[in-house]
PDB file of N, CA and C in Angstrom:
ATOM      1  N   MET A   1     131.140 205.527  61.822  1.00  0.00           N
ATOM      2  CA  MET A   1     132.485 205.312  62.328  1.00  0.00           C
ATOM      3  C   MET A   1     133.462 205.967  61.351  1.00  0.00           C
ATOM      4  N   ASP A   2     134.409 206.740  61.871  1.00  0.00           N
ATOM      5  CA  ASP A   2     135.350 207.418  60.986  1.00  0.00           C
ATOM      6  C   ASP A   2     136.436 206.453  60.493  1.00  0.00           C
ATOM      7  N   TYR A   3     137.152 206.901  59.484  1.00  0.00           N
ATOM      8  CA  TYR A   3     138.144 206.067  58.813  1.00  0.00           C
ATOM      9  C   TYR A   3     139.243 205.585  59.755  1.00  0.00           C
ATOM     10  N   ASN A   4     139.776 206.482  60.596  1.00  0.00           N
ATOM     11  CA  ASN A   4     140.861 206.101  61.506  1.00  0.00           C
ATOM     12  C   ASN A   4     140.419 205.080  62.542  1.00  0.00           C
ATOM     13  N   THR A   5     139.201 205.219  63.053  1.00  0.00           N
ATOM     14  CA  THR A   5     138.677 204.252  64.020  1.00  0.00           C
ATOM     15  C   THR A   5     138.539 202.880  63.361  1.00  0.00           C
ATOM     16  N   GLU A   6     138.020 202.868  62.160  1.00  0.00           N
ATOM     17  CA  GLU A   6     137.851 201.614  61.429  1.00  0.00           C
ATOM     18  C   GLU A   6     139.210 200.976  61.125  1.00  0.00           C
ATOM     19  N   LEU A   7     140.177 201.801  60.749  1.00  0.00           N
ATOM     20  CA  LEU A   7     141.530 201.313  60.476  1.00  0.00           C
ATOM     21  C   LEU A   7     142.150 200.719  61.742  1.00  0.00           C
ATOM     22  N   GLY A   8     141.982 201.407  62.874  1.00  0.00           N
ATOM     23  CA  GLY A   8     142.506 200.928  64.151  1.00  0.00           C
ATOM     24  C   GLY A   8     141.898 199.613  64.572  1.00  0.00           C
ATOM     25  N   ARG A   9     140.608 199.480  64.393  1.00  0.00           N
ATOM     26  CA  ARG A   9     139.939 198.207  64.745  1.00  0.00           C
ATOM     27  C   ARG A   9     140.430 197.062  63.875  1.00  0.00           C
ATOM     28  N   GLY A  10     140.652 197.351  62.606  1.00  0.00           N
ATOM     29  CA  GLY A  10     141.204 196.326  61.714  1.00  0.00           C
ATOM     30  C   GLY A  10     142.591 195.898  62.158  1.00  0.00           C
ATOM     31  N   GLY A  11     143.407 196.872  62.571  1.00  0.00           N
ATOM     32  CA  GLY A  11     144.748 196.569  63.076  1.00  0.00           C
ATOM     33  C   GLY A  11     144.701 195.752  64.346  1.00  0.00           C
ATOM     34  N   GLU A  12     143.782 196.093  65.244  1.00  0.00           N
ATOM     35  CA  GLU A  12     143.655 195.321  66.489  1.00  0.00           C
ATOM     36  C   GLU A  12     143.188 193.898  66.211  1.00  0.00           C
ATOM     37  N   GLN A  13     142.331 193.715  65.213  1.00  0.00           N
ATOM     38  CA  GLN A  13     141.900 192.353  64.887  1.00  0.00           C
ATOM     39  C   GLN A  13     143.072 191.544  64.330  1.00  0.00           C
ATOM     40  N   LEU A  14     143.904 192.175  63.507  1.00  0.00           N
ATOM     41  CA  LEU A  14     145.120 191.493  63.029  1.00  0.00           C
ATOM     42  C   LEU A  14     145.992 191.087  64.211  1.00  0.00           C
ATOM     43  N   ALA A  15     146.108 191.984  65.183  1.00  0.00           N
ATOM     44  CA  ALA A  15     146.918 191.706  66.376  1.00  0.00           C
ATOM     45  C   ALA A  15     146.355 190.535  67.170  1.00  0.00           C
ATOM     46  N   VAL A  16     145.051 190.517  67.379  1.00  0.00           N
ATOM     47  CA  VAL A  16     144.403 189.419  68.111  1.00  0.00           C
ATOM     48  C   VAL A  16     144.653 188.096  67.399  1.00  0.00           C
ATOM     49  N   ASP A  17     144.471 188.090  66.088  1.00  0.00           N
ATOM     50  CA  ASP A  17     144.684 186.862  65.318  1.00  0.00           C
ATOM     51  C   ASP A  17     146.142 186.398  65.423  1.00  0.00           C
ATOM     52  N   TRP A  18     147.083 187.328  65.335  1.00  0.00           N
ATOM     53  CA  TRP A  18     148.507 186.992  65.413  1.00  0.00           C
ATOM     54  C   TRP A  18     148.857 186.455  66.797  1.00  0.00           C
ATOM     55  N   LEU A  19     148.385 187.135  67.844  1.00  0.00           N
ATOM     56  CA  LEU A  19     148.694 186.714  69.218  1.00  0.00           C
ATOM     57  C   LEU A  19     148.099 185.337  69.528  1.00  0.00           C
ATOM     58  N   THR A  20     146.859 185.101  69.139  1.00  0.00           N
ATOM     59  CA  THR A  20     146.258 183.785  69.404  1.00  0.00           C
ATOM     60  C   THR A  20     147.004 182.692  68.644  1.00  0.00           C
ATOM     61  N   GLY A  21     147.489 183.020  67.466  1.00  0.00           N
ATOM     62  CA  GLY A  21     148.297 182.074  66.698  1.00  0.00           C
ATOM     63  C   GLY A  21     149.630 181.752  67.368  1.00  0.00           C
ATOM     64  N   LYS A  22     150.092 182.643  68.225  1.00  0.00           N
ATOM     65  CA  LYS A  22     151.340 182.441  68.963  1.00  0.00           C
ATOM     66  C   LYS A  22     151.103 181.855  70.356  1.00  0.00           C
ATOM     67  N   GLY A  23     149.868 181.471  70.660  1.00  0.00           N
ATOM     68  CA  GLY A  23     149.588 180.801  71.928  1.00  0.00           C
ATOM     69  C   GLY A  23     149.086 181.694  73.047  1.00  0.00           C
ATOM     70  N   TYR A  24     148.786 182.944  72.757  1.00  0.00           N
ATOM     71  CA  TYR A  24     148.245 183.852  73.770  1.00  0.00           C
ATOM     72  C   TYR A  24     146.734 183.685  73.860  1.00  0.00           C
ATOM     73  N   THR A  25     146.206 183.850  75.060  1.00  0.00           N
ATOM     74  CA  THR A  25     144.762 183.869  75.276  1.00  0.00           C
ATOM     75  C   THR A  25     144.368 185.323  75.513  1.00  0.00           C
ATOM     76  N   ILE A  26     143.431 185.811  74.757  1.00  0.00           N
ATOM     77  CA  ILE A  26     143.002 187.204  74.878  1.00  0.00           C
ATOM     78  C   ILE A  26     142.019 187.324  76.036  1.00  0.00           C
ATOM     79  N   LEU A  27     142.369 188.157  77.013  1.00  0.00           N
ATOM     80  CA  LEU A  27     141.495 188.399  78.163  1.00  0.00           C
ATOM     81  C   LEU A  27     140.607 189.621  77.948  1.00  0.00           C
ATOM     82  N   HIS A  28     141.200 190.694  77.421  1.00  0.00           N
ATOM     83  CA  HIS A  28     140.457 191.943  77.214  1.00  0.00           C
ATOM     84  C   HIS A  28     140.971 192.649  75.967  1.00  0.00           C
ATOM     85  N   ARG A  29     140.052 193.341  75.315  1.00  0.00           N
ATOM     86  CA  ARG A  29     140.405 194.268  74.247  1.00  0.00           C
ATOM     87  C   ARG A  29     139.974 195.645  74.702  1.00  0.00           C
ATOM     88  N   ASN A  30     140.823 196.618  74.545  1.00  0.00           N
ATOM     89  CA  ASN A  30     140.532 198.003  74.915  1.00  0.00           C
ATOM     90  C   ASN A  30     140.116 198.139  76.376  1.00  0.00           C
ATOM     91  N   TRP A  31     140.906 197.563  77.271  1.00  0.00           N
ATOM     92  CA  TRP A  31     140.641 197.669  78.716  1.00  0.00           C
ATOM     93  C   TRP A  31     140.927 199.094  79.144  1.00  0.00           C
ATOM     94  N   ARG A  32     139.970 199.699  79.857  1.00  0.00           N
ATOM     95  CA  ARG A  32     140.081 201.115  80.211  1.00  0.00           C
ATOM     96  C   ARG A  32     140.113 201.344  81.717  1.00  0.00           C
ATOM     97  N   TYR A  33     140.884 202.358  82.077  1.00  0.00           N
ATOM     98  CA  TYR A  33     140.896 202.917  83.423  1.00  0.00           C
ATOM     99  C   TYR A  33     140.939 204.426  83.231  1.00  0.00           C
ATOM    100  N   ARG A  34     139.860 205.078  83.630  1.00  0.00           N
ATOM    101  CA  ARG A  34     139.713 206.516  83.379  1.00  0.00           C
ATOM    102  C   ARG A  34     139.959 206.795  81.909  1.00  0.00           C
ATOM    103  N   GLN A  35     140.875 207.705  81.611  1.00  0.00           N
ATOM    104  CA  GLN A  35     141.148 208.017  80.204  1.00  0.00           C
ATOM    105  C   GLN A  35     142.249 207.136  79.619  1.00  0.00           C
ATOM    106  N   PHE A  36     142.792 206.221  80.406  1.00  0.00           N
ATOM    107  CA  PHE A  36     143.894 205.377  79.968  1.00  0.00           C
ATOM    108  C   PHE A  36     143.363 204.051  79.426  1.00  0.00           C
ATOM    109  N   GLU A  37     144.069 203.503  78.443  1.00  0.00           N
ATOM    110  CA  GLU A  37     143.595 202.283  77.798  1.00  0.00           C
ATOM    111  C   GLU A  37     144.754 201.349  77.474  1.00  0.00           C
ATOM    112  N   ILE A  38     144.468 200.067  77.597  1.00  0.00           N
ATOM    113  CA  ILE A  38     145.394 199.028  77.151  1.00  0.00           C
ATOM    114  C   ILE A  38     144.715 198.354  75.968  1.00  0.00           C
ATOM    115  N   ASP A  39     145.394 198.319  74.834  1.00  0.00           N
ATOM    116  CA  ASP A  39     144.785 197.766  73.626  1.00  0.00           C
ATOM    117  C   ASP A  39     144.370 196.314  73.817  1.00  0.00           C
ATOM    118  N   ILE A  40     145.314 195.488  74.268  1.00  0.00           N
ATOM    119  CA  ILE A  40     145.020 194.059  74.455  1.00  0.00           C
ATOM    120  C   ILE A  40     145.668 193.579  75.747  1.00  0.00           C
ATOM    121  N   VAL A  41     144.885 192.876  76.557  1.00  0.00           N
ATOM    122  CA  VAL A  41     145.422 192.175  77.722  1.00  0.00           C
ATOM    123  C   VAL A  41     145.325 190.693  77.367  1.00  0.00           C
ATOM    124  N   ALA A  42     146.476 190.051  77.314  1.00  0.00           N
ATOM    125  CA  ALA A  42     146.531 188.644  76.920  1.00  0.00           C
ATOM    126  C   ALA A  42     147.257 187.848  77.995  1.00  0.00           C
ATOM    127  N   LEU A  43     147.030 186.554  77.994  1.00  0.00           N
ATOM    128  CA  LEU A  43     147.657 185.670  78.973  1.00  0.00           C
ATOM    129  C   LEU A  43     148.479 184.625  78.225  1.00  0.00           C
ATOM    130  N   LYS A  44     149.715 184.421  78.708  1.00  0.00           N
ATOM    131  CA  LYS A  44     150.553 183.347  78.184  1.00  0.00           C
ATOM    132  C   LYS A  44     151.394 182.832  79.330  1.00  0.00           C
ATOM    133  N   ASN A  45     151.384 181.523  79.520  1.00  0.00           N
ATOM    134  CA  ASN A  45     152.113 180.883  80.618  1.00  0.00           C
ATOM    135  C   ASN A  45     151.728 181.498  81.966  1.00  0.00           C
ATOM    136  N   GLU A  46     150.445 181.727  82.148  1.00  0.00           N
ATOM    137  CA  GLU A  46     149.892 182.243  83.409  1.00  0.00           C
ATOM    138  C   GLU A  46     150.307 183.689  83.723  1.00  0.00           C
ATOM    139  N   MET A  47     150.899 184.391  82.763  1.00  0.00           N
ATOM    140  CA  MET A  47     151.351 185.761  82.992  1.00  0.00           C
ATOM    141  C   MET A  47     150.601 186.722  82.061  1.00  0.00           C
ATOM    142  N   PRO A  48     150.084 187.818  82.628  1.00  0.00           N
ATOM    143  CA  PRO A  48     149.425 188.801  81.762  1.00  0.00           C
ATOM    144  C   PRO A  48     150.445 189.592  80.937  1.00  0.00           C
ATOM    145  N   HIS A  49     150.075 189.812  79.691  1.00  0.00           N
ATOM    146  CA  HIS A  49     150.856 190.640  78.772  1.00  0.00           C
ATOM    147  C   HIS A  49     149.960 191.794  78.353  1.00  0.00           C
ATOM    148  N   PHE A  50     150.466 193.004  78.524  1.00  0.00           N
ATOM    149  CA  PHE A  50     149.743 194.199  78.138  1.00  0.00           C
ATOM    150  C   PHE A  50     150.325 194.631  76.800  1.00  0.00           C
ATOM    151  N   VAL A  51     149.534 194.496  75.762  1.00  0.00           N
ATOM    152  CA  VAL A  51     150.044 194.685  74.407  1.00  0.00           C
ATOM    153  C   VAL A  51     149.521 195.992  73.825  1.00  0.00           C
ATOM    154  N   GLU A  52     150.438 196.865  73.516  1.00  0.00           N
ATOM    155  CA  GLU A  52     150.118 198.101  72.802  1.00  0.00           C
ATOM    156  C   GLU A  52     150.248 197.795  71.317  1.00  0.00           C
ATOM    157  N   VAL A  53     149.173 197.998  70.583  1.00  0.00           N
ATOM    158  CA  VAL A  53     149.155 197.703  69.156  1.00  0.00           C
ATOM    159  C   VAL A  53     149.352 199.004  68.387  1.00  0.00           C
ATOM    160  N   LYS A  54     150.307 198.989  67.490  1.00  0.00           N
ATOM    161  CA  LYS A  54     150.531 200.122  66.601  1.00  0.00           C
ATOM    162  C   LYS A  54     150.421 199.611  65.171  1.00  0.00           C
ATOM    163  N   TYR A  55     149.465 200.159  64.458  1.00  0.00           N
ATOM    164  CA  TYR A  55     149.163 199.706  63.105  1.00  0.00           C
ATOM    165  C   TYR A  55     149.287 200.882  62.148  1.00  0.00           C
ATOM    166  N   ARG A  56     149.922 200.629  61.026  1.00  0.00           N
ATOM    167  CA  ARG A  56     149.980 201.640  59.963  1.00  0.00           C
ATOM    168  C   ARG A  56     149.854 200.949  58.611  1.00  0.00           C
ATOM    169  N   SER A  57     149.223 201.657  57.703  1.00  0.00           N
ATOM    170  CA  SER A  57     149.081 201.129  56.348  1.00  0.00           C
ATOM    171  C   SER A  57     150.032 201.832  55.380  1.00  0.00           C
ATOM    172  N   SER A  58     150.831 202.756  55.905  1.00  0.00           N
ATOM    173  CA  SER A  58     151.878 203.384  55.104  1.00  0.00           C
ATOM    174  C   SER A  58     153.015 203.760  56.045  1.00  0.00           C
ATOM    175  N   GLN A  59     154.182 203.995  55.489  1.00  0.00           N
ATOM    176  CA  GLN A  59     155.320 204.393  56.320  1.00  0.00           C
ATOM    177  C   GLN A  59     155.589 205.890  56.197  1.00  0.00           C
ATOM    178  N   GLN A  60     154.575 206.620  55.817  1.00  0.00           N
ATOM    179  CA  GLN A  60     154.696 208.068  55.664  1.00  0.00           C
ATOM    180  C   GLN A  60     155.176 208.730  56.958  1.00  0.00           C
ATOM    181  N   TYR A  61     154.741 208.195  58.101  1.00  0.00           N
ATOM    182  CA  TYR A  61     155.117 208.762  59.397  1.00  0.00           C
ATOM    183  C   TYR A  61     156.104 207.870  60.148  1.00  0.00           C
ATOM    184  N   GLY A  62     156.778 206.986  59.453  1.00  0.00           N
ATOM    185  CA  GLY A  62     157.764 206.113  60.077  1.00  0.00           C
ATOM    186  C   GLY A  62     157.167 204.778  60.490  1.00  0.00           C
ATOM    187  N   TYR A  63     157.960 204.028  61.222  1.00  0.00           N
ATOM    188  CA  TYR A  63     157.524 202.712  61.669  1.00  0.00           C
ATOM    189  C   TYR A  63     156.474 202.845  62.763  1.00  0.00           C
ATOM    190  N   PRO A  64     155.522 201.931  62.813  1.00  0.00           N
ATOM    191  CA  PRO A  64     154.438 202.031  63.798  1.00  0.00           C
ATOM    192  C   PRO A  64     154.916 202.104  65.247  1.00  0.00           C
ATOM    193  N   GLU A  65     155.922 201.306  65.614  1.00  0.00           N
ATOM    194  CA  GLU A  65     156.370 201.249  67.010  1.00  0.00           C
ATOM    195  C   GLU A  65     156.957 202.576  67.495  1.00  0.00           C
ATOM    196  N   ALA A  66     157.340 203.438  66.579  1.00  0.00           N
ATOM    197  CA  ALA A  66     157.897 204.744  66.954  1.00  0.00           C
ATOM    198  C   ALA A  66     156.842 205.625  67.632  1.00  0.00           C
ATOM    199  N   GLY A  67     155.580 205.260  67.509  1.00  0.00           N
ATOM    200  CA  GLY A  67     154.500 206.035  68.126  1.00  0.00           C
ATOM    201  C   GLY A  67     154.347 205.810  69.618  1.00  0.00           C
ATOM    202  N   VAL A  68     155.143 204.916  70.208  1.00  0.00           N
ATOM    203  CA  VAL A  68     155.051 204.653  71.647  1.00  0.00           C
ATOM    204  C   VAL A  68     156.197 205.374  72.338  1.00  0.00           C
ATOM    205  N   GLN A  69     155.889 206.564  72.823  1.00  0.00           N
ATOM    206  CA  GLN A  69     156.896 207.355  73.523  1.00  0.00           C
ATOM    207  C   GLN A  69     156.215 208.378  74.413  1.00  0.00           C
ATOM    208  N   GLY A  70     156.968 209.001  75.279  1.00  0.00           N
ATOM    209  CA  GLY A  70     156.485 210.092  76.117  1.00  0.00           C
ATOM    210  C   GLY A  70     155.198 209.830  76.866  1.00  0.00           C
ATOM    211  N   LYS A  71     154.188 210.625  76.575  1.00  0.00           N
ATOM    212  CA  LYS A  71     152.905 210.540  77.276  1.00  0.00           C
ATOM    213  C   LYS A  71     152.232 209.184  77.077  1.00  0.00           C
ATOM    214  N   LYS A  72     152.422 208.588  75.916  1.00  0.00           N
ATOM    215  CA  LYS A  72     151.807 207.281  75.650  1.00  0.00           C
ATOM    216  C   LYS A  72     152.365 206.236  76.607  1.00  0.00           C
ATOM    217  N   LYS A  73     153.669 206.242  76.829  1.00  0.00           N
ATOM    218  CA  LYS A  73     154.277 205.294  77.772  1.00  0.00           C
ATOM    219  C   LYS A  73     153.722 205.505  79.173  1.00  0.00           C
ATOM    220  N   SER A  74     153.605 206.743  79.574  1.00  0.00           N
ATOM    221  CA  SER A  74     153.072 207.060  80.899  1.00  0.00           C
ATOM    222  C   SER A  74     151.634 206.577  81.045  1.00  0.00           C
ATOM    223  N   ALA A  75     150.837 206.759  80.022  1.00  0.00           N
ATOM    224  CA  ALA A  75     149.437 206.324  80.055  1.00  0.00           C
ATOM    225  C   ALA A  75     149.335 204.800  80.158  1.00  0.00           C
ATOM    226  N   ILE A  76     150.186 204.098  79.423  1.00  0.00           N
ATOM    227  CA  ILE A  76     150.202 202.628  79.492  1.00  0.00           C
ATOM    228  C   ILE A  76     150.575 202.190  80.905  1.00  0.00           C
ATOM    229  N   PHE A  77     151.600 202.801  81.457  1.00  0.00           N
ATOM    230  CA  PHE A  77     152.057 202.457  82.800  1.00  0.00           C
ATOM    231  C   PHE A  77     150.940 202.651  83.831  1.00  0.00           C
ATOM    232  N   ARG A  78     150.208 203.744  83.749  1.00  0.00           N
ATOM    233  CA  ARG A  78     149.122 203.993  84.708  1.00  0.00           C
ATOM    234  C   ARG A  78     148.017 202.952  84.568  1.00  0.00           C
ATOM    235  N   ALA A  79     147.676 202.600  83.352  1.00  0.00           N
ATOM    236  CA  ALA A  79     146.640 201.593  83.129  1.00  0.00           C
ATOM    237  C   ALA A  79     147.095 200.221  83.638  1.00  0.00           C
ATOM    238  N   VAL A  80     148.344 199.864  83.379  1.00  0.00           N
ATOM    239  CA  VAL A  80     148.890 198.579  83.842  1.00  0.00           C
ATOM    240  C   VAL A  80     148.871 198.522  85.367  1.00  0.00           C
ATOM    241  N   ASN A  81     149.300 199.602  86.012  1.00  0.00           N
ATOM    242  CA  ASN A  81     149.278 199.641  87.484  1.00  0.00           C
ATOM    243  C   ASN A  81     147.877 199.410  88.022  1.00  0.00           C
ATOM    244  N   GLU A  82     146.893 200.032  87.420  1.00  0.00           N
ATOM    245  CA  GLU A  82     145.511 199.862  87.882  1.00  0.00           C
ATOM    246  C   GLU A  82     145.032 198.440  87.652  1.00  0.00           C
ATOM    247  N   PHE A  83     145.339 197.869  86.492  1.00  0.00           N
ATOM    248  CA  PHE A  83     144.941 196.493  86.208  1.00  0.00           C
ATOM    249  C   PHE A  83     145.537 195.545  87.243  1.00  0.00           C
ATOM    250  N   MET A  84     146.820 195.698  87.519  1.00  0.00           N
ATOM    251  CA  MET A  84     147.481 194.818  88.485  1.00  0.00           C
ATOM    252  C   MET A  84     146.908 195.010  89.890  1.00  0.00           C
ATOM    253  N   PHE A  85     146.546 196.224  90.240  1.00  0.00           N
ATOM    254  CA  PHE A  85     145.918 196.493  91.533  1.00  0.00           C
ATOM    255  C   PHE A  85     144.568 195.783  91.639  1.00  0.00           C
ATOM    256  N   ARG A  86     143.812 195.782  90.567  1.00  0.00           N
ATOM    257  CA  ARG A  86     142.484 195.156  90.556  1.00  0.00           C
ATOM    258  C   ARG A  86     142.546 193.638  90.416  1.00  0.00           C
ATOM    259  N   HIS A  87     143.684 193.107  90.026  1.00  0.00           N
ATOM    260  CA  HIS A  87     143.849 191.659  89.834  1.00  0.00           C
ATOM    261  C   HIS A  87     145.084 191.184  90.604  1.00  0.00           C
ATOM    262  N   PRO A  88     144.999 191.175  91.921  1.00  0.00           N
ATOM    263  CA  PRO A  88     146.180 190.854  92.743  1.00  0.00           C
ATOM    264  C   PRO A  88     146.677 189.408  92.619  1.00  0.00           C
ATOM    265  N   ALA A  89     145.921 188.548  91.991  1.00  0.00           N
ATOM    266  CA  ALA A  89     146.380 187.168  91.817  1.00  0.00           C
ATOM    267  C   ALA A  89     147.604 187.098  90.901  1.00  0.00           C
ATOM    268  N   TYR A  90     147.738 188.083  90.019  1.00  0.00           N
ATOM    269  CA  TYR A  90     148.900 188.128  89.132  1.00  0.00           C
ATOM    270  C   TYR A  90     150.061 188.801  89.855  1.00  0.00           C
ATOM    271  N   ARG A  91     151.193 188.147  89.868  1.00  0.00           N
ATOM    272  CA  ARG A  91     152.367 188.668  90.573  1.00  0.00           C
ATOM    273  C   ARG A  91     153.330 189.412  89.645  1.00  0.00           C
ATOM    274  N   ASP A  92     153.344 189.038  88.391  1.00  0.00           N
ATOM    275  CA  ASP A  92     154.275 189.609  87.439  1.00  0.00           C
ATOM    276  C   ASP A  92     153.522 189.905  86.142  1.00  0.00           C
ATOM    277  N   PHE A  93     154.118 190.665  85.265  1.00  0.00           N
ATOM    278  CA  PHE A  93     153.467 191.009  84.004  1.00  0.00           C
ATOM    279  C   PHE A  93     154.533 191.401  82.987  1.00  0.00           C
ATOM    280  N   ARG A  94     154.112 191.533  81.758  1.00  0.00           N
ATOM    281  CA  ARG A  94     154.961 192.015  80.679  1.00  0.00           C
ATOM    282  C   ARG A  94     154.187 193.075  79.896  1.00  0.00           C
ATOM    283  N   VAL A  95     154.917 194.075  79.438  1.00  0.00           N
ATOM    284  CA  VAL A  95     154.362 195.064  78.523  1.00  0.00           C
ATOM    285  C   VAL A  95     155.052 194.834  77.187  1.00  0.00           C
ATOM    286  N   ASP A  96     154.257 194.659  76.145  1.00  0.00           N
ATOM    287  CA  ASP A  96     154.776 194.364  74.817  1.00  0.00           C
ATOM    288  C   ASP A  96     154.208 195.368  73.810  1.00  0.00           C
ATOM    289  N   ILE A  97     154.907 195.524  72.719  1.00  0.00           N
ATOM    290  CA  ILE A  97     154.419 196.351  71.616  1.00  0.00           C
ATOM    291  C   ILE A  97     154.342 195.457  70.387  1.00  0.00           C
ATOM    292  N   LEU A  98     153.181 195.447  69.758  1.00  0.00           N
ATOM    293  CA  LEU A  98     153.024 194.723  68.501  1.00  0.00           C
ATOM    294  C   LEU A  98     152.836 195.754  67.396  1.00  0.00           C
ATOM    295  N   SER A  99     153.844 195.862  66.563  1.00  0.00           N
ATOM    296  CA  SER A  99     153.856 196.804  65.457  1.00  0.00           C
ATOM    297  C   SER A  99     153.423 196.070  64.195  1.00  0.00           C
ATOM    298  N   ILE A 100     152.415 196.612  63.534  1.00  0.00           N
ATOM    299  CA  ILE A 100     151.905 195.975  62.317  1.00  0.00           C
ATOM    300  C   ILE A 100     151.940 196.994  61.182  1.00  0.00           C
ATOM    301  N   TYR A 101     152.603 196.623  60.116  1.00  0.00           N
ATOM    302  CA  TYR A 101     152.638 197.449  58.916  1.00  0.00           C
ATOM    303  C   TYR A 101     152.002 196.640  57.798  1.00  0.00           C
ATOM    304  N   GLU A 102     150.850 197.092  57.334  1.00  0.00           N
ATOM    305  CA  GLU A 102     150.116 196.372  56.292  1.00  0.00           C
ATOM    306  C   GLU A 102     150.235 197.156  54.985  1.00  0.00           C
ATOM    307  N   LYS A 103     151.124 196.685  54.120  1.00  0.00           N
ATOM    308  CA  LYS A 103     151.365 197.354  52.843  1.00  0.00           C
ATOM    309  C   LYS A 103     150.104 197.397  51.993  1.00  0.00           C
ATOM    310  N   LYS A 104     149.474 196.248  51.892  1.00  0.00           N
ATOM    311  CA  LYS A 104     148.188 196.143  51.206  1.00  0.00           C
ATOM    312  C   LYS A 104     147.391 195.073  51.917  1.00  0.00           C
ATOM    313  N   LYS A 105     146.104 195.096  51.749  1.00  0.00           N
ATOM    314  CA  LYS A 105     145.203 194.188  52.465  1.00  0.00           C
ATOM    315  C   LYS A 105     145.701 192.746  52.381  1.00  0.00           C
ATOM    316  N   GLY A 106     145.929 192.142  53.548  1.00  0.00           N
ATOM    317  CA  GLY A 106     146.352 190.750  53.614  1.00  0.00           C
ATOM    318  C   GLY A 106     147.854 190.541  53.547  1.00  0.00           C
ATOM    319  N   ASP A 107     148.618 191.624  53.394  1.00  0.00           N
ATOM    320  CA  ASP A 107     150.077 191.511  53.318  1.00  0.00           C
ATOM    321  C   ASP A 107     150.680 192.350  54.439  1.00  0.00           C
ATOM    322  N   ALA A 108     150.728 191.780  55.643  1.00  0.00           N
ATOM    323  CA  ALA A 108     151.174 192.528  56.823  1.00  0.00           C
ATOM    324  C   ALA A 108     152.519 192.017  57.330  1.00  0.00           C
ATOM    325  N   GLU A 109     153.303 192.950  57.860  1.00  0.00           N
ATOM    326  CA  GLU A 109     154.558 192.626  58.542  1.00  0.00           C
ATOM    327  C   GLU A 109     154.350 192.876  60.027  1.00  0.00           C
ATOM    328  N   TYR A 110     154.790 191.943  60.865  1.00  0.00           N
ATOM    329  CA  TYR A 110     154.635 192.050  62.312  1.00  0.00           C
ATOM    330  C   TYR A 110     156.012 192.176  62.959  1.00  0.00           C
ATOM    331  N   PHE A 111     156.107 193.087  63.917  1.00  0.00           N
ATOM    332  CA  PHE A 111     157.329 193.263  64.691  1.00  0.00           C
ATOM    333  C   PHE A 111     156.904 193.292  66.151  1.00  0.00           C
ATOM    334  N   PHE A 112     157.280 192.258  66.894  1.00  0.00           N
ATOM    335  CA  PHE A 112     156.826 192.102  68.279  1.00  0.00           C
ATOM    336  C   PHE A 112     157.984 192.434  69.219  1.00  0.00           C
ATOM    337  N   ILE A 113     157.787 193.456  70.024  1.00  0.00           N
ATOM    338  CA  ILE A 113     158.797 193.873  70.987  1.00  0.00           C
ATOM    339  C   ILE A 113     158.302 193.434  72.355  1.00  0.00           C
ATOM    340  N   GLU A 114     158.975 192.449  72.945  1.00  0.00           N
ATOM    341  CA  GLU A 114     158.537 191.878  74.213  1.00  0.00           C
ATOM    342  C   GLU A 114     159.218 192.523  75.399  1.00  0.00           C
ATOM    343  N   ASP A 115     158.476 192.579  76.488  1.00  0.00           N
ATOM    344  CA  ASP A 115     158.990 193.024  77.788  1.00  0.00           C
ATOM    345  C   ASP A 115     159.645 194.414  77.706  1.00  0.00           C
ATOM    346  N   VAL A 116     158.859 195.355  77.271  1.00  0.00           N
ATOM    347  CA  VAL A 116     159.320 196.737  77.108  1.00  0.00           C
ATOM    348  C   VAL A 116     159.458 197.373  78.477  1.00  0.00           C
ATOM    349  N   TYR A 117     160.517 198.095  78.661  1.00  0.00           N
ATOM    350  CA  TYR A 117     160.711 198.852  79.898  1.00  0.00           C
ATOM    351  C   TYR A 117     160.104 200.226  79.705  1.00  0.00           C
ATOM    352  N   LEU A 118     159.170 200.584  80.597  1.00  0.00           N
ATOM    353  CA  LEU A 118     158.531 201.895  80.496  1.00  0.00           C
ATOM    354  C   LEU A 118     159.221 202.834  81.437  1.00  0.00           C
TER     355      LEU A 118
END
């Protein structure tokens, strides 16, 4: 496994731990539709939340949440549409971004952007 993949998985585990601590139930990790992916599908108050996780261990390239733009937004939207089509019991949903900046191991800052408009 390469370094970036391992780093990403560590970031997603931090996200899962943070979300469950906030009362979310994790339904899926890395849910895929064709080439599109949703990092985390979680449930809170009977509503699915599609969480895009952005993790960085340095601010060399700016804040993690800045990485969600353009084609990435379009890809998230397509995956969300497919998920909702396959799960018609859900009437509404939220798309959220969880930005994690981990300065050093065990010292992370979380910035949760709820109900993002794509």
